[in-house]
Amino acid sequence: MFMSYDVVIIGAGPAGLSAGLYAARARLKTLIIEKENAGGQIVGTAEVDNYPGSIENATGPSLVNRMVQQAEAFGAEKIGDNIIEVDFSGDIKVLKGEKQTYEAKSVIIATGAVPRPMGCSGEKELTGRGISYCATCDAPFFEDLEVYVIGGGDAAVEEAIYLTKFARKVTIVHRRDELRAAKSIQEKAFKNEKIDFLWNTVVTEVKGEGLLESITVKNVKTSEEREIAADEDDGTFGVFVFIGYDPATKVFDGLINMTGGYIITDENMKTNVDGVFAAGDNRVKALRQVVTATADGAIAATQAEKYIEAKFN
């Protein structure tokens, strides 16, 4: 027995929740499927000060909770499942999850993106044991410890500044000799006495028995390598990785047009497959922010409504 809907939205980040709100408001039978917790990347953000109209001291989780409330208030259903296979060939799209199968007249792909790992030896084994991709989630575990932040973009530098509230010392490790972050963010970091910098450097290995105990870093200009061990009294330290994201689109590979894993859409969020739309960080776009994700979701839902009206009514 399939569960049938007008619109099925895959992903409950800002794009998916916005799409759910707009689709449900349009009186479409709407389902939002999320394999983890609602919110996507924004849940890992301590402060959201660049989302227009957000309340003072808004956090990622508080913003997401409100989005969930709004979508559900208009009748959007939300379910936990992981979509493992899709069939977009017919007028009715079929989505196979680990728990059940869903049918939809239209589909909005809002699967977002996932943090990119460093790709070095030991990283996988020590993730959650000293290595993290979310400062907001894990910063309190590193109270009065040393922390290394990998990356030089906005996210890396913002999270480094946030980590200074907890860590004794924060070192930003960047493969170039200057940061890529916005100038205003850079200025804050350079002024912060707790922040140091390791330029032209990459991490090649992480080691530890149960907990992270040392990292090996390499100077990309001189090729010189050295090991940095945790302070003896501490026994461990933290490594927070912010080197970009990879789109979560593998399940759609070969079924819709993509480039580098990002879904190609037009300005109306339409993919090359009729009735299939994409919204948020998983599509090709110039700016990946909460404000652009929510706009994408709204557009995708209104276009899905028009598509259903023309195709099925």
C-alpha atoms as a PDB file:
ATOM      1  CA  MET A   1       0.000   0.000   0.000  1.00  0.00           C
ATOM      2  CA  PHE A   2       1.581   3.262  -1.150  1.00  0.00           C
ATOM      3  CA  MET A   3       1.082   6.562   0.623  1.00  0.00           C
ATOM      4  CA  SER A   4      -0.123   9.055  -2.010  1.00  0.00           C
ATOM      5  CA  TYR A   5       0.378  12.816  -1.970  1.00  0.00           C
ATOM      6  CA  ASP A   6       0.165  15.859  -4.213  1.00  0.00           C
ATOM      7  CA  VAL A   7       3.645  16.959  -3.180  1.00  0.00           C
ATOM      8  CA  VAL A   8       6.393  15.021  -1.462  1.00  0.00           C
ATOM      9  CA  ILE A   9       9.298  17.128  -0.206  1.00  0.00           C
ATOM     10  CA  ILE A  10      12.551  15.307   0.510  1.00  0.00           C
ATOM     11  CA  GLY A  11      14.409  17.118   3.268  1.00  0.00           C
ATOM     12  CA  ALA A  12      13.325  19.276   6.205  1.00  0.00           C
ATOM     13  CA  GLY A  13      15.898  22.040   6.193  1.00  0.00           C
ATOM     14  CA  PRO A  14      14.833  25.658   5.571  1.00  0.00           C
ATOM     15  CA  ALA A  15      14.153  24.949   1.855  1.00  0.00           C
ATOM     16  CA  GLY A  16      12.033  21.874   2.561  1.00  0.00           C
ATOM     17  CA  LEU A  17      10.124  23.479   5.429  1.00  0.00           C
ATOM     18  CA  SER A  18       9.437  26.604   3.388  1.00  0.00           C
ATOM     19  CA  ALA A  19       8.199  24.419   0.504  1.00  0.00           C
ATOM     20  CA  GLY A  20       6.009  22.496   2.959  1.00  0.00           C
ATOM     21  CA  LEU A  21       4.503  25.701   4.324  1.00  0.00           C
ATOM     22  CA  TYR A  22       3.677  27.062   0.848  1.00  0.00           C
ATOM     23  CA  ALA A  23       2.398  23.748  -0.513  1.00  0.00           C
ATOM     24  CA  ALA A  24       0.166  23.102   2.503  1.00  0.00           C
ATOM     25  CA  ARG A  25      -1.168  26.673   2.414  1.00  0.00           C
ATOM     26  CA  ALA A  26      -2.149  26.015  -1.210  1.00  0.00           C
ATOM     27  CA  ARG A  27      -4.257  23.099   0.068  1.00  0.00           C
ATOM     28  CA  LEU A  28      -2.042  20.490  -1.529  1.00  0.00           C
ATOM     29  CA  LYS A  29      -1.714  17.172   0.294  1.00  0.00           C
ATOM     30  CA  THR A  30       1.870  17.616   1.440  1.00  0.00           C
ATOM     31  CA  LEU A  31       4.439  15.283   2.976  1.00  0.00           C
ATOM     32  CA  ILE A  32       7.912  16.269   4.183  1.00  0.00           C
ATOM     33  CA  ILE A  33      10.343  13.356   4.522  1.00  0.00           C
ATOM     34  CA  GLU A  34      13.478  13.812   6.634  1.00  0.00           C
ATOM     35  CA  LYS A  35      15.968  11.074   7.477  1.00  0.00           C
ATOM     36  CA  GLU A  36      17.414  12.850  10.516  1.00  0.00           C
ATOM     37  CA  ASN A  37      16.180  15.804  12.568  1.00  0.00           C
ATOM     38  CA  ALA A  38      14.541  18.790  10.939  1.00  0.00           C
ATOM     39  CA  GLY A  39      16.673  21.803  10.205  1.00  0.00           C
ATOM     40  CA  GLY A  40      19.608  20.733   8.063  1.00  0.00           C
ATOM     41  CA  GLN A  41      22.866  22.676   8.508  1.00  0.00           C
ATOM     42  CA  ILE A  42      21.228  25.672  10.196  1.00  0.00           C
ATOM     43  CA  VAL A  43      20.656  23.601  13.356  1.00  0.00           C
ATOM     44  CA  GLY A  44      24.406  23.813  13.906  1.00  0.00           C
ATOM     45  CA  THR A  45      24.375  27.617  13.965  1.00  0.00           C
ATOM     46  CA  ALA A  46      24.485  29.389  17.306  1.00  0.00           C
ATOM     47  CA  GLU A  47      23.535  32.804  16.015  1.00  0.00           C
ATOM     48  CA  VAL A  48      21.423  33.728  13.019  1.00  0.00           C
ATOM     49  CA  ASP A  49      21.887  37.440  12.544  1.00  0.00           C
ATOM     50  CA  ASN A  50      21.659  37.601   8.746  1.00  0.00           C
ATOM     51  CA  TYR A  51      18.126  36.262   8.310  1.00  0.00           C
ATOM     52  CA  PRO A  52      15.876  39.298   7.771  1.00  0.00           C
ATOM     53  CA  GLY A  53      13.223  39.697  10.426  1.00  0.00           C
ATOM     54  CA  SER A  54      14.515  36.962  12.713  1.00  0.00           C
ATOM     55  CA  ILE A  55      13.937  37.700  16.373  1.00  0.00           C
ATOM     56  CA  GLU A  56      16.802  39.013  18.455  1.00  0.00           C
ATOM     57  CA  ASN A  57      19.210  36.296  19.600  1.00  0.00           C
ATOM     58  CA  ALA A  58      17.636  33.820  17.159  1.00  0.00           C
ATOM     59  CA  THR A  59      19.522  30.534  16.933  1.00  0.00           C
ATOM     60  CA  GLY A  60      19.448  27.930  14.177  1.00  0.00           C
ATOM     61  CA  PRO A  61      17.298  25.549  16.243  1.00  0.00           C
ATOM     62  CA  SER A  62      14.822  28.288  17.301  1.00  0.00           C
ATOM     63  CA  LEU A  63      14.378  29.400  13.686  1.00  0.00           C
ATOM     64  CA  VAL A  64      13.829  25.810  12.532  1.00  0.00           C
ATOM     65  CA  ASN A  65      11.324  25.059  15.307  1.00  0.00           C
ATOM     66  CA  ARG A  66       9.251  28.009  14.171  1.00  0.00           C
ATOM     67  CA  MET A  67       9.432  26.855  10.522  1.00  0.00           C
ATOM     68  CA  VAL A  68       8.250  23.362  11.541  1.00  0.00           C
ATOM     69  CA  GLN A  69       5.338  24.844  13.515  1.00  0.00           C
ATOM     70  CA  GLN A  70       4.294  26.972  10.542  1.00  0.00           C
ATOM     71  CA  ALA A  71       4.397  24.104   8.039  1.00  0.00           C
ATOM     72  CA  GLU A  72       2.469  21.779  10.376  1.00  0.00           C
ATOM     73  CA  ALA A  73      -0.083  24.487  11.233  1.00  0.00           C
ATOM     74  CA  PHE A  74      -1.198  24.497   7.596  1.00  0.00           C
ATOM     75  CA  GLY A  75      -1.463  20.709   7.478  1.00  0.00           C
ATOM     76  CA  ALA A  76       1.868  19.522   6.099  1.00  0.00           C
ATOM     77  CA  GLU A  77       2.713  16.024   7.338  1.00  0.00           C
ATOM     78  CA  LYS A  78       6.244  15.214   8.443  1.00  0.00           C
ATOM     79  CA  ILE A  79       7.715  11.743   8.565  1.00  0.00           C
ATOM     80  CA  GLY A  80      11.102  10.229   9.355  1.00  0.00           C
ATOM     81  CA  ASP A  81      12.443   8.045   6.551  1.00  0.00           C
ATOM     82  CA  ASN A  82      15.436   7.749   4.244  1.00  0.00           C
ATOM     83  CA  ILE A  83      14.714   7.694   0.499  1.00  0.00           C
ATOM     84  CA  ILE A  84      16.899   5.028  -1.104  1.00  0.00           C
ATOM     85  CA  GLU A  85      15.411   4.798  -4.606  1.00  0.00           C
ATOM     86  CA  VAL A  86      13.236   6.967  -6.853  1.00  0.00           C
ATOM     87  CA  ASP A  87      11.340   6.456 -10.094  1.00  0.00           C
ATOM     88  CA  PHE A  88      10.578   9.717 -11.895  1.00  0.00           C
ATOM     89  CA  SER A  89       9.658   8.113 -15.237  1.00  0.00           C
ATOM     90  CA  GLY A  90       5.852   8.248 -14.913  1.00  0.00           C
ATOM     91  CA  ASP A  91       3.340  11.020 -14.254  1.00  0.00           C
ATOM     92  CA  ILE A  92       3.110   9.701 -10.688  1.00  0.00           C
ATOM     93  CA  LYS A  93       6.543   9.735  -9.075  1.00  0.00           C
ATOM     94  CA  VAL A  94       7.497   6.811  -6.826  1.00  0.00           C
ATOM     95  CA  LEU A  95       9.834   7.240  -3.856  1.00  0.00           C
ATOM     96  CA  LYS A  96      11.057   4.178  -2.038  1.00  0.00           C
ATOM     97  CA  GLY A  97      12.107   4.728   1.562  1.00  0.00           C
ATOM     98  CA  GLU A  98      13.673   2.381   4.089  1.00  0.00           C
ATOM     99  CA  LYS A  99      10.313   2.253   5.909  1.00  0.00           C
ATOM    100  CA  GLN A 100       7.729   2.563   3.130  1.00  0.00           C
ATOM    101  CA  THR A 101       7.025   3.681  -0.431  1.00  0.00           C
ATOM    102  CA  TYR A 102       5.454   7.012  -1.383  1.00  0.00           C
ATOM    103  CA  GLU A 103       3.646   8.233  -4.487  1.00  0.00           C
ATOM    104  CA  ALA A 104       3.456  11.871  -5.515  1.00  0.00           C
ATOM    105  CA  LYS A 105       2.171  14.007  -8.353  1.00  0.00           C
ATOM    106  CA  SER A 106       5.208  16.234  -7.833  1.00  0.00           C
ATOM    107  CA  VAL A 107       8.465  16.029  -5.897  1.00  0.00           C
ATOM    108  CA  ILE A 108      10.584  18.789  -4.375  1.00  0.00           C
ATOM    109  CA  ILE A 109      14.163  17.727  -3.670  1.00  0.00           C
ATOM    110  CA  ALA A 110      15.467  19.717  -0.704  1.00  0.00           C
ATOM    111  CA  THR A 111      18.122  17.319   0.538  1.00  0.00           C
ATOM    112  CA  GLY A 112      20.710  20.043   1.178  1.00  0.00           C
ATOM    113  CA  ALA A 113      24.390  19.357   1.602  1.00  0.00           C
ATOM    114  CA  VAL A 114      26.598  17.570   4.124  1.00  0.00           C
ATOM    115  CA  PRO A 115      29.914  18.701   5.648  1.00  0.00           C
ATOM    116  CA  ARG A 116      32.951  17.739   3.578  1.00  0.00           C
ATOM    117  CA  PRO A 117      35.475  15.631   5.499  1.00  0.00           C
ATOM    118  CA  MET A 118      39.223  16.378   5.467  1.00  0.00           C
ATOM    119  CA  GLY A 119      39.832  12.945   3.966  1.00  0.00           C
ATOM    120  CA  CYS A 120      42.854  12.185   6.125  1.00  0.00           C
ATOM    121  CA  SER A 121      43.877   9.002   7.897  1.00  0.00           C
ATOM    122  CA  GLY A 122      42.044   8.378  11.190  1.00  0.00           C
ATOM    123  CA  GLU A 123      39.318  10.960  10.583  1.00  0.00           C
ATOM    124  CA  LYS A 124      36.412   8.541  10.346  1.00  0.00           C
ATOM    125  CA  GLU A 125      37.435   6.605  13.460  1.00  0.00           C
ATOM    126  CA  LEU A 126      37.803   9.751  15.586  1.00  0.00           C
ATOM    127  CA  THR A 127      34.673  11.580  14.415  1.00  0.00           C
ATOM    128  CA  GLY A 128      32.672  12.305  17.563  1.00  0.00           C
ATOM    129  CA  ARG A 129      35.792  11.529  19.614  1.00  0.00           C
ATOM    130  CA  GLY A 130      37.537  14.846  19.142  1.00  0.00           C
ATOM    131  CA  ILE A 131      36.686  15.576  15.513  1.00  0.00           C
ATOM    132  CA  SER A 132      33.502  17.517  14.836  1.00  0.00           C
ATOM    133  CA  TYR A 133      31.738  19.325  11.999  1.00  0.00           C
ATOM    134  CA  CYS A 134      29.408  21.362  14.221  1.00  0.00           C
ATOM    135  CA  ALA A 135      30.680  23.883  16.760  1.00  0.00           C
ATOM    136  CA  THR A 136      27.234  24.647  18.152  1.00  0.00           C
ATOM    137  CA  CYS A 137      26.645  20.955  18.823  1.00  0.00           C
ATOM    138  CA  ASP A 138      30.000  20.097  20.354  1.00  0.00           C
ATOM    139  CA  ALA A 139      31.738  23.258  21.634  1.00  0.00           C
ATOM    140  CA  PRO A 140      30.734  22.677  25.298  1.00  0.00           C
ATOM    141  CA  PHE A 141      32.718  19.403  25.308  1.00  0.00           C
ATOM    142  CA  PHE A 142      35.917  21.407  24.799  1.00  0.00           C
ATOM    143  CA  GLU A 143      35.602  23.774  27.747  1.00  0.00           C
ATOM    144  CA  ASP A 144      39.132  25.004  28.638  1.00  0.00           C
ATOM    145  CA  LEU A 145      40.776  22.733  26.039  1.00  0.00           C
ATOM    146  CA  GLU A 146      42.681  23.631  22.881  1.00  0.00           C
ATOM    147  CA  VAL A 147      40.846  23.507  19.593  1.00  0.00           C
ATOM    148  CA  TYR A 148      41.924  23.556  15.933  1.00  0.00           C
ATOM    149  CA  VAL A 149      39.532  24.828  13.260  1.00  0.00           C
ATOM    150  CA  ILE A 150      40.174  23.631   9.718  1.00  0.00           C
ATOM    151  CA  GLY A 151      39.195  26.046   6.939  1.00  0.00           C
ATOM    152  CA  GLY A 152      39.329  29.730   6.037  1.00  0.00           C
ATOM    153  CA  GLY A 153      35.867  30.654   4.785  1.00  0.00           C
ATOM    154  CA  ASP A 154      32.971  32.373   6.552  1.00  0.00           C
ATOM    155  CA  ALA A 155      31.804  29.254   8.384  1.00  0.00           C
ATOM    156  CA  ALA A 156      35.277  28.315   9.630  1.00  0.00           C
ATOM    157  CA  VAL A 157      36.087  31.773  10.984  1.00  0.00           C
ATOM    158  CA  GLU A 158      32.625  32.361  12.490  1.00  0.00           C
ATOM    159  CA  GLU A 159      32.770  29.004  14.252  1.00  0.00           C
ATOM    160  CA  ALA A 160      36.325  29.711  15.454  1.00  0.00           C
ATOM    161  CA  ILE A 161      35.081  32.939  17.050  1.00  0.00           C
ATOM    162  CA  TYR A 162      32.176  31.047  18.639  1.00  0.00           C
ATOM    163  CA  LEU A 163      34.545  28.365  19.992  1.00  0.00           C
ATOM    164  CA  THR A 164      36.560  30.997  21.888  1.00  0.00           C
ATOM    165  CA  LYS A 165      33.624  31.168  24.313  1.00  0.00           C
ATOM    166  CA  PHE A 166      34.535  27.646  25.434  1.00  0.00           C
ATOM    167  CA  ALA A 167      38.065  26.702  24.397  1.00  0.00           C
ATOM    168  CA  ARG A 168      41.231  27.964  26.042  1.00  0.00           C
ATOM    169  CA  LYS A 169      42.828  28.565  22.665  1.00  0.00           C
ATOM    170  CA  VAL A 170      41.633  28.272  19.061  1.00  0.00           C
ATOM    171  CA  THR A 171      43.972  27.829  16.099  1.00  0.00           C
ATOM    172  CA  ILE A 172      42.645  28.310  12.561  1.00  0.00           C
ATOM    173  CA  VAL A 173      44.435  25.979  10.133  1.00  0.00           C
ATOM    174  CA  HIS A 174      44.187  27.186   6.534  1.00  0.00           C
ATOM    175  CA  ARG A 175      45.779  25.861   3.352  1.00  0.00           C
ATOM    176  CA  ARG A 176      46.325  29.386   1.991  1.00  0.00           C
ATOM    177  CA  ASP A 177      48.165  32.421   3.356  1.00  0.00           C
ATOM    178  CA  GLU A 178      45.011  34.527   3.793  1.00  0.00           C
ATOM    179  CA  LEU A 179      41.437  33.895   4.845  1.00  0.00           C
ATOM    180  CA  ARG A 180      38.536  33.747   2.383  1.00  0.00           C
ATOM    181  CA  ALA A 181      35.955  34.888   4.949  1.00  0.00           C
ATOM    182  CA  ALA A 182      34.146  38.208   4.671  1.00  0.00           C
ATOM    183  CA  LYS A 183      36.344  41.097   5.820  1.00  0.00           C
ATOM    184  CA  SER A 184      34.066  41.962   8.765  1.00  0.00           C
ATOM    185  CA  ILE A 185      34.375  38.392  10.088  1.00  0.00           C
ATOM    186  CA  GLN A 186      38.152  38.371   9.546  1.00  0.00           C
ATOM    187  CA  GLU A 187      38.548  41.574  11.556  1.00  0.00           C
ATOM    188  CA  LYS A 188      36.741  40.018  14.520  1.00  0.00           C
ATOM    189  CA  ALA A 189      39.022  36.975  14.378  1.00  0.00           C
ATOM    190  CA  PHE A 190      42.250  38.982  14.140  1.00  0.00           C
ATOM    191  CA  LYS A 191      41.193  41.060  17.146  1.00  0.00           C
ATOM    192  CA  ASN A 192      40.401  37.993  19.253  1.00  0.00           C
ATOM    193  CA  GLU A 193      43.324  37.227  21.566  1.00  0.00           C
ATOM    194  CA  LYS A 194      42.351  33.569  21.858  1.00  0.00           C
ATOM    195  CA  ILE A 195      42.722  32.910  18.106  1.00  0.00           C
ATOM    196  CA  ASP A 196      45.993  31.872  16.427  1.00  0.00           C
ATOM    197  CA  PHE A 197      46.622  30.989  12.780  1.00  0.00           C
ATOM    198  CA  LEU A 198      48.515  28.236  10.983  1.00  0.00           C
ATOM    199  CA  TRP A 199      48.903  29.384   7.363  1.00  0.00           C
ATOM    200  CA  ASN A 200      49.656  27.272   4.266  1.00  0.00           C
ATOM    201  CA  THR A 201      48.863  24.162   6.282  1.00  0.00           C
ATOM    202  CA  VAL A 202      46.761  21.013   5.879  1.00  0.00           C
ATOM    203  CA  VAL A 203      46.047  18.112   8.245  1.00  0.00           C
ATOM    204  CA  THR A 204      47.396  14.804   6.918  1.00  0.00           C
ATOM    205  CA  GLU A 205      46.649  12.458   9.823  1.00  0.00           C
ATOM    206  CA  VAL A 206      44.785  12.330  13.133  1.00  0.00           C
ATOM    207  CA  LYS A 207      45.579   9.831  15.871  1.00  0.00           C
ATOM    208  CA  GLY A 208      44.246   8.709  19.207  1.00  0.00           C
ATOM    209  CA  GLU A 209      43.193   5.732  21.297  1.00  0.00           C
ATOM    210  CA  GLY A 210      39.476   6.279  21.798  1.00  0.00           C
ATOM    211  CA  LEU A 211      39.928  10.060  21.862  1.00  0.00           C
ATOM    212  CA  LEU A 212      41.836  12.435  19.590  1.00  0.00           C
ATOM    213  CA  GLU A 213      45.405  12.770  20.902  1.00  0.00           C
ATOM    214  CA  SER A 214      47.432  14.232  18.028  1.00  0.00           C
ATOM    215  CA  ILE A 215      47.285  15.649  14.511  1.00  0.00           C
ATOM    216  CA  THR A 216      49.954  15.687  11.822  1.00  0.00           C
ATOM    217  CA  VAL A 217      50.101  18.891   9.793  1.00  0.00           C
ATOM    218  CA  LYS A 218      51.940  19.622   6.572  1.00  0.00           C
ATOM    219  CA  ASN A 219      53.136  22.944   5.199  1.00  0.00           C
ATOM    220  CA  VAL A 220      51.934  22.990   1.576  1.00  0.00           C
ATOM    221  CA  LYS A 221      54.816  25.251   0.495  1.00  0.00           C
ATOM    222  CA  THR A 222      57.766  23.507   2.174  1.00  0.00           C
ATOM    223  CA  SER A 223      56.186  19.994   2.468  1.00  0.00           C
ATOM    224  CA  GLU A 224      57.484  19.932   6.047  1.00  0.00           C
ATOM    225  CA  GLU A 225      55.387  17.746   8.361  1.00  0.00           C
ATOM    226  CA  ARG A 226      55.087  17.866  12.136  1.00  0.00           C
ATOM    227  CA  GLU A 227      52.937  16.264  14.780  1.00  0.00           C
ATOM    228  CA  ILE A 228      50.937  18.369  17.226  1.00  0.00           C
ATOM    229  CA  ALA A 229      50.053  16.452  20.392  1.00  0.00           C
ATOM    230  CA  ALA A 230      47.453  17.271  23.013  1.00  0.00           C
ATOM    231  CA  ASP A 231      48.655  18.971  26.159  1.00  0.00           C
ATOM    232  CA  GLU A 232      49.676  16.253  28.650  1.00  0.00           C
ATOM    233  CA  ASP A 233      47.336  17.545  31.339  1.00  0.00           C
ATOM    234  CA  ASP A 234      44.403  17.694  28.898  1.00  0.00           C
ATOM    235  CA  GLY A 235      44.955  14.347  27.191  1.00  0.00           C
ATOM    236  CA  THR A 236      42.837  15.424  24.217  1.00  0.00           C
ATOM    237  CA  PHE A 237      41.819  18.430  22.124  1.00  0.00           C
ATOM    238  CA  GLY A 238      39.313  19.289  19.421  1.00  0.00           C
ATOM    239  CA  VAL A 239      39.411  19.534  15.643  1.00  0.00           C
ATOM    240  CA  PHE A 240      36.462  21.273  13.998  1.00  0.00           C
ATOM    241  CA  VAL A 241      36.262  20.893  10.221  1.00  0.00           C
ATOM    242  CA  PHE A 242      34.658  23.591   8.041  1.00  0.00           C
ATOM    243  CA  ILE A 243      35.997  23.112   4.507  1.00  0.00           C
ATOM    244  CA  GLY A 244      32.752  23.179   2.590  1.00  0.00           C
ATOM    245  CA  TYR A 245      29.831  20.923   1.837  1.00  0.00           C
ATOM    246  CA  ASP A 246      28.929  18.178  -0.614  1.00  0.00           C
ATOM    247  CA  PRO A 247      25.383  18.044  -2.025  1.00  0.00           C
ATOM    248  CA  ALA A 248      23.273  15.140  -0.743  1.00  0.00           C
ATOM    249  CA  THR A 249      22.029  14.057  -4.176  1.00  0.00           C
ATOM    250  CA  LYS A 250      23.541  10.613  -4.810  1.00  0.00           C
ATOM    251  CA  VAL A 251      20.168   8.859  -5.017  1.00  0.00           C
ATOM    252  CA  PHE A 252      19.190  11.061  -8.005  1.00  0.00           C
ATOM    253  CA  ASP A 253      22.374  10.388  -9.963  1.00  0.00           C
ATOM    254  CA  GLY A 254      21.606   9.693 -13.628  1.00  0.00           C
ATOM    255  CA  LEU A 255      17.911  10.530 -13.170  1.00  0.00           C
ATOM    256  CA  ILE A 256      18.076  14.332 -13.325  1.00  0.00           C
ATOM    257  CA  ASN A 257      20.623  16.757 -14.740  1.00  0.00           C
ATOM    258  CA  MET A 258      23.396  17.636 -12.303  1.00  0.00           C
ATOM    259  CA  THR A 259      26.868  19.129 -12.346  1.00  0.00           C
ATOM    260  CA  GLY A 260      29.374  18.210  -9.660  1.00  0.00           C
ATOM    261  CA  GLY A 261      26.516  16.631  -7.710  1.00  0.00           C
ATOM    262  CA  TYR A 262      24.502  19.876  -7.672  1.00  0.00           C
ATOM    263  CA  ILE A 263      21.067  19.771  -9.331  1.00  0.00           C
ATOM    264  CA  ILE A 264      20.553  22.036 -12.340  1.00  0.00           C
ATOM    265  CA  THR A 265      17.290  23.999 -12.233  1.00  0.00           C
ATOM    266  CA  ASP A 266      15.844  27.045 -13.920  1.00  0.00           C
ATOM    267  CA  GLU A 267      14.796  30.147 -11.957  1.00  0.00           C
ATOM    268  CA  ASN A 268      11.499  28.415 -11.136  1.00  0.00           C
ATOM    269  CA  MET A 269      13.330  25.495  -9.449  1.00  0.00           C
ATOM    270  CA  LYS A 270      12.311  23.142 -12.275  1.00  0.00           C
ATOM    271  CA  THR A 271      14.674  20.281 -13.098  1.00  0.00           C
ATOM    272  CA  ASN A 272      14.798  18.644 -16.532  1.00  0.00           C
ATOM    273  CA  VAL A 273      12.118  16.171 -15.356  1.00  0.00           C
ATOM    274  CA  ASP A 274       8.495  17.364 -15.404  1.00  0.00           C
ATOM    275  CA  GLY A 275       7.035  17.555 -11.912  1.00  0.00           C
ATOM    276  CA  VAL A 276      10.405  17.356 -10.171  1.00  0.00           C
ATOM    277  CA  PHE A 277      11.774  20.504  -8.523  1.00  0.00           C
ATOM    278  CA  ALA A 278      14.846  21.234  -6.416  1.00  0.00           C
ATOM    279  CA  ALA A 279      15.340  23.835  -3.694  1.00  0.00           C
ATOM    280  CA  GLY A 280      18.129  24.923  -1.374  1.00  0.00           C
ATOM    281  CA  ASP A 281      21.803  24.075  -1.073  1.00  0.00           C
ATOM    282  CA  ASN A 282      21.631  20.986  -3.292  1.00  0.00           C
ATOM    283  CA  ARG A 283      21.095  22.989  -6.476  1.00  0.00           C
ATOM    284  CA  VAL A 284      23.444  25.070  -8.625  1.00  0.00           C
ATOM    285  CA  LYS A 285      23.288  28.641  -7.298  1.00  0.00           C
ATOM    286  CA  ALA A 286      25.459  31.630  -6.423  1.00  0.00           C
ATOM    287  CA  LEU A 287      24.565  32.019  -2.742  1.00  0.00           C
ATOM    288  CA  ARG A 288      23.792  29.276  -0.220  1.00  0.00           C
ATOM    289  CA  GLN A 289      22.122  30.891   2.792  1.00  0.00           C
ATOM    290  CA  VAL A 290      18.971  30.303   4.851  1.00  0.00           C
ATOM    291  CA  VAL A 291      17.304  33.274   3.157  1.00  0.00           C
ATOM    292  CA  THR A 292      17.931  31.880  -0.353  1.00  0.00           C
ATOM    293  CA  ALA A 293      16.901  28.362   0.714  1.00  0.00           C
ATOM    294  CA  THR A 294      13.531  29.541   2.022  1.00  0.00           C
ATOM    295  CA  ALA A 295      12.977  31.548  -1.168  1.00  0.00           C
ATOM    296  CA  ASP A 296      13.800  28.458  -3.266  1.00  0.00           C
ATOM    297  CA  GLY A 297      11.303  26.399  -1.269  1.00  0.00           C
ATOM    298  CA  ALA A 298       8.516  28.931  -1.724  1.00  0.00           C
ATOM    299  CA  ILE A 299       9.128  29.120  -5.478  1.00  0.00           C
ATOM    300  CA  ALA A 300       9.342  25.324  -5.857  1.00  0.00           C
ATOM    301  CA  ALA A 301       6.034  24.814  -4.014  1.00  0.00           C
ATOM    302  CA  THR A 302       4.130  27.438  -6.010  1.00  0.00           C
ATOM    303  CA  GLN A 303       5.517  25.982  -9.249  1.00  0.00           C
ATOM    304  CA  ALA A 304       4.552  22.468  -8.134  1.00  0.00           C
ATOM    305  CA  GLU A 305       1.019  23.739  -7.502  1.00  0.00           C
ATOM    306  CA  LYS A 306       0.862  25.193 -11.034  1.00  0.00           C
ATOM    307  CA  TYR A 307       2.250  21.974 -12.508  1.00  0.00           C
ATOM    308  CA  ILE A 308      -0.345  19.806 -10.689  1.00  0.00           C
ATOM    309  CA  GLU A 309      -3.154  22.158 -11.712  1.00  0.00           C
ATOM    310  CA  ALA A 310      -2.159  21.946 -15.385  1.00  0.00           C
ATOM    311  CA  LYS A 311      -1.325  18.234 -15.432  1.00  0.00           C
ATOM    312  CA  PHE A 312      -3.929  16.573 -13.237  1.00  0.00           C
ATOM    313  CA  ASN A 313      -6.940  18.903 -12.996  1.00  0.00           C
END
